């Protein structure tokens, strides 16, 4: 085993960026699941609630953010793969 550094700072930075995206993704998924559960309970109790409408819009916004995070993570992964080809 060599004693010279094998991880380049740019690779480490990309790894940390992807990790940040993975953490964000996990938080968003949890929020979506929890909000959906609350929506289901509220829908059973009061289907015409203003709170229910708000929660449905919130789920939609969270899903949009999730798609954006996943797209950004894919772009970072692709950049990393292209860097390894060179």
C-alpha atoms as a PDB file:
ATOM      1  CA  UNK A   1       0.000   0.000   0.000  1.00  0.00           C
ATOM      2  CA  UNK A   2       1.372   3.389  -1.021  1.00  0.00           C
ATOM      3  CA  UNK A   3       1.614   6.268   1.387  1.00  0.00           C
ATOM      4  CA  UNK A   4       0.862   9.003  -1.123  1.00  0.00           C
ATOM      5  CA  UNK A   5      -2.589  10.567  -1.231  1.00  0.00           C
ATOM      6  CA  UNK A   6      -4.957   8.731  -3.553  1.00  0.00           C
ATOM      7  CA  UNK A   7      -8.043  10.906  -3.221  1.00  0.00           C
ATOM      8  CA  UNK A   8      -7.879  14.158  -5.137  1.00  0.00           C
ATOM      9  CA  UNK A   9      -9.575  17.181  -3.567  1.00  0.00           C
ATOM     10  CA  UNK A  10     -11.910  17.543  -6.538  1.00  0.00           C
ATOM     11  CA  UNK A  11     -13.030  13.945  -6.105  1.00  0.00           C
ATOM     12  CA  UNK A  12     -13.570  14.520  -2.392  1.00  0.00           C
ATOM     13  CA  UNK A  13     -15.548  17.669  -3.116  1.00  0.00           C
ATOM     14  CA  UNK A  14     -17.759  15.762  -5.544  1.00  0.00           C
ATOM     15  CA  UNK A  15     -18.243  12.981  -3.034  1.00  0.00           C
ATOM     16  CA  UNK A  16     -19.291  15.475  -0.366  1.00  0.00           C
ATOM     17  CA  UNK A  17     -21.621  17.195  -2.787  1.00  0.00           C
ATOM     18  CA  UNK A  18     -23.290  13.895  -3.672  1.00  0.00           C
ATOM     19  CA  UNK A  19     -23.560  13.078   0.012  1.00  0.00           C
ATOM     20  CA  UNK A  20     -25.279  16.418   0.599  1.00  0.00           C
ATOM     21  CA  UNK A  21     -27.722  15.605  -2.199  1.00  0.00           C
ATOM     22  CA  UNK A  22     -28.379  12.174  -0.666  1.00  0.00           C
ATOM     23  CA  UNK A  23     -29.102  13.769   2.716  1.00  0.00           C
ATOM     24  CA  UNK A  24     -31.441  16.308   1.126  1.00  0.00           C
ATOM     25  CA  UNK A  25     -33.178  13.523  -0.781  1.00  0.00           C
ATOM     26  CA  UNK A  26     -33.716  11.522   2.401  1.00  0.00           C
ATOM     27  CA  UNK A  27     -35.137  14.528   4.241  1.00  0.00           C
ATOM     28  CA  UNK A  28     -37.502  15.312   1.379  1.00  0.00           C
ATOM     29  CA  UNK A  29     -38.714  11.714   1.120  1.00  0.00           C
ATOM     30  CA  UNK A  30     -39.429  11.658   4.856  1.00  0.00           C
ATOM     31  CA  UNK A  31     -41.297  14.948   4.631  1.00  0.00           C
ATOM     32  CA  UNK A  32     -43.354  13.722   1.681  1.00  0.00           C
ATOM     33  CA  UNK A  33     -44.298  10.498   3.458  1.00  0.00           C
ATOM     34  CA  UNK A  34     -45.220  12.290   6.684  1.00  0.00           C
ATOM     35  CA  UNK A  35     -47.233  14.953   4.873  1.00  0.00           C
ATOM     36  CA  UNK A  36     -49.100  12.292   2.893  1.00  0.00           C
ATOM     37  CA  UNK A  37     -49.951  10.424   6.099  1.00  0.00           C
ATOM     38  CA  UNK A  38     -51.278  13.595   7.705  1.00  0.00           C
ATOM     39  CA  UNK A  39     -53.243  14.356   4.529  1.00  0.00           C
ATOM     40  CA  UNK A  40     -54.893  10.936   4.591  1.00  0.00           C
ATOM     41  CA  UNK A  41     -55.928  11.375   8.213  1.00  0.00           C
ATOM     42  CA  UNK A  42     -57.244  14.863   7.569  1.00  0.00           C
ATOM     43  CA  UNK A  43     -59.078  13.743   4.427  1.00  0.00           C
ATOM     44  CA  UNK A  44     -60.915  11.104   6.452  1.00  0.00           C
ATOM     45  CA  UNK A  45     -61.894  13.684   9.077  1.00  0.00           C
ATOM     46  CA  UNK A  46     -62.607  16.765   6.927  1.00  0.00           C
ATOM     47  CA  UNK A  47     -62.243  16.354   3.137  1.00  0.00           C
ATOM     48  CA  UNK A  48     -62.984  20.049   2.449  1.00  0.00           C
ATOM     49  CA  UNK A  49     -60.433  21.426   4.911  1.00  0.00           C
ATOM     50  CA  UNK A  50     -58.251  24.350   3.902  1.00  0.00           C
ATOM     51  CA  UNK A  51     -55.415  22.619   5.709  1.00  0.00           C
ATOM     52  CA  UNK A  52     -55.850  19.593   3.433  1.00  0.00           C
ATOM     53  CA  UNK A  53     -55.556  21.785   0.342  1.00  0.00           C
ATOM     54  CA  UNK A  54     -52.409  23.330   1.781  1.00  0.00           C
ATOM     55  CA  UNK A  55     -50.908  19.902   2.494  1.00  0.00           C
ATOM     56  CA  UNK A  56     -51.643  18.694  -1.033  1.00  0.00           C
ATOM     57  CA  UNK A  57     -49.863  21.744  -2.458  1.00  0.00           C
ATOM     58  CA  UNK A  58     -47.011  21.139  -0.032  1.00  0.00           C
ATOM     59  CA  UNK A  59     -46.600  17.531  -1.223  1.00  0.00           C
ATOM     60  CA  UNK A  60     -46.499  18.766  -4.798  1.00  0.00           C
ATOM     61  CA  UNK A  61     -43.839  21.359  -3.937  1.00  0.00           C
ATOM     62  CA  UNK A  62     -41.775  18.767  -2.041  1.00  0.00           C
ATOM     63  CA  UNK A  63     -41.964  16.362  -4.983  1.00  0.00           C
ATOM     64  CA  UNK A  64     -40.778  19.120  -7.313  1.00  0.00           C
ATOM     65  CA  UNK A  65     -37.824  19.822  -5.018  1.00  0.00           C
ATOM     66  CA  UNK A  66     -37.062  16.094  -4.892  1.00  0.00           C
ATOM     67  CA  UNK A  67     -36.944  15.897  -8.683  1.00  0.00           C
ATOM     68  CA  UNK A  68     -34.621  18.909  -8.777  1.00  0.00           C
ATOM     69  CA  UNK A  69     -32.260  17.407  -6.184  1.00  0.00           C
ATOM     70  CA  UNK A  70     -32.164  14.087  -8.045  1.00  0.00           C
ATOM     71  CA  UNK A  71     -31.447  15.850 -11.331  1.00  0.00           C
ATOM     72  CA  UNK A  72     -28.599  17.826  -9.774  1.00  0.00           C
ATOM     73  CA  UNK A  73     -27.130  14.681  -8.224  1.00  0.00           C
ATOM     74  CA  UNK A  74     -27.287  12.926 -11.592  1.00  0.00           C
ATOM     75  CA  UNK A  75     -25.444  15.838 -13.209  1.00  0.00           C
ATOM     76  CA  UNK A  76     -22.670  15.637 -10.589  1.00  0.00           C
ATOM     77  CA  UNK A  77     -22.405  11.869 -11.116  1.00  0.00           C
ATOM     78  CA  UNK A  78     -22.181  12.356 -14.879  1.00  0.00           C
ATOM     79  CA  UNK A  79     -19.474  15.013 -14.470  1.00  0.00           C
ATOM     80  CA  UNK A  80     -17.512  12.603 -12.291  1.00  0.00           C
ATOM     81  CA  UNK A  81     -17.806   9.814 -14.854  1.00  0.00           C
ATOM     82  CA  UNK A  82     -16.588  12.110 -17.640  1.00  0.00           C
ATOM     83  CA  UNK A  83     -13.627  13.197 -15.500  1.00  0.00           C
ATOM     84  CA  UNK A  84     -12.632   9.544 -15.020  1.00  0.00           C
ATOM     85  CA  UNK A  85     -12.641   8.928 -18.792  1.00  0.00           C
ATOM     86  CA  UNK A  86      -9.926  11.501 -19.399  1.00  0.00           C
END
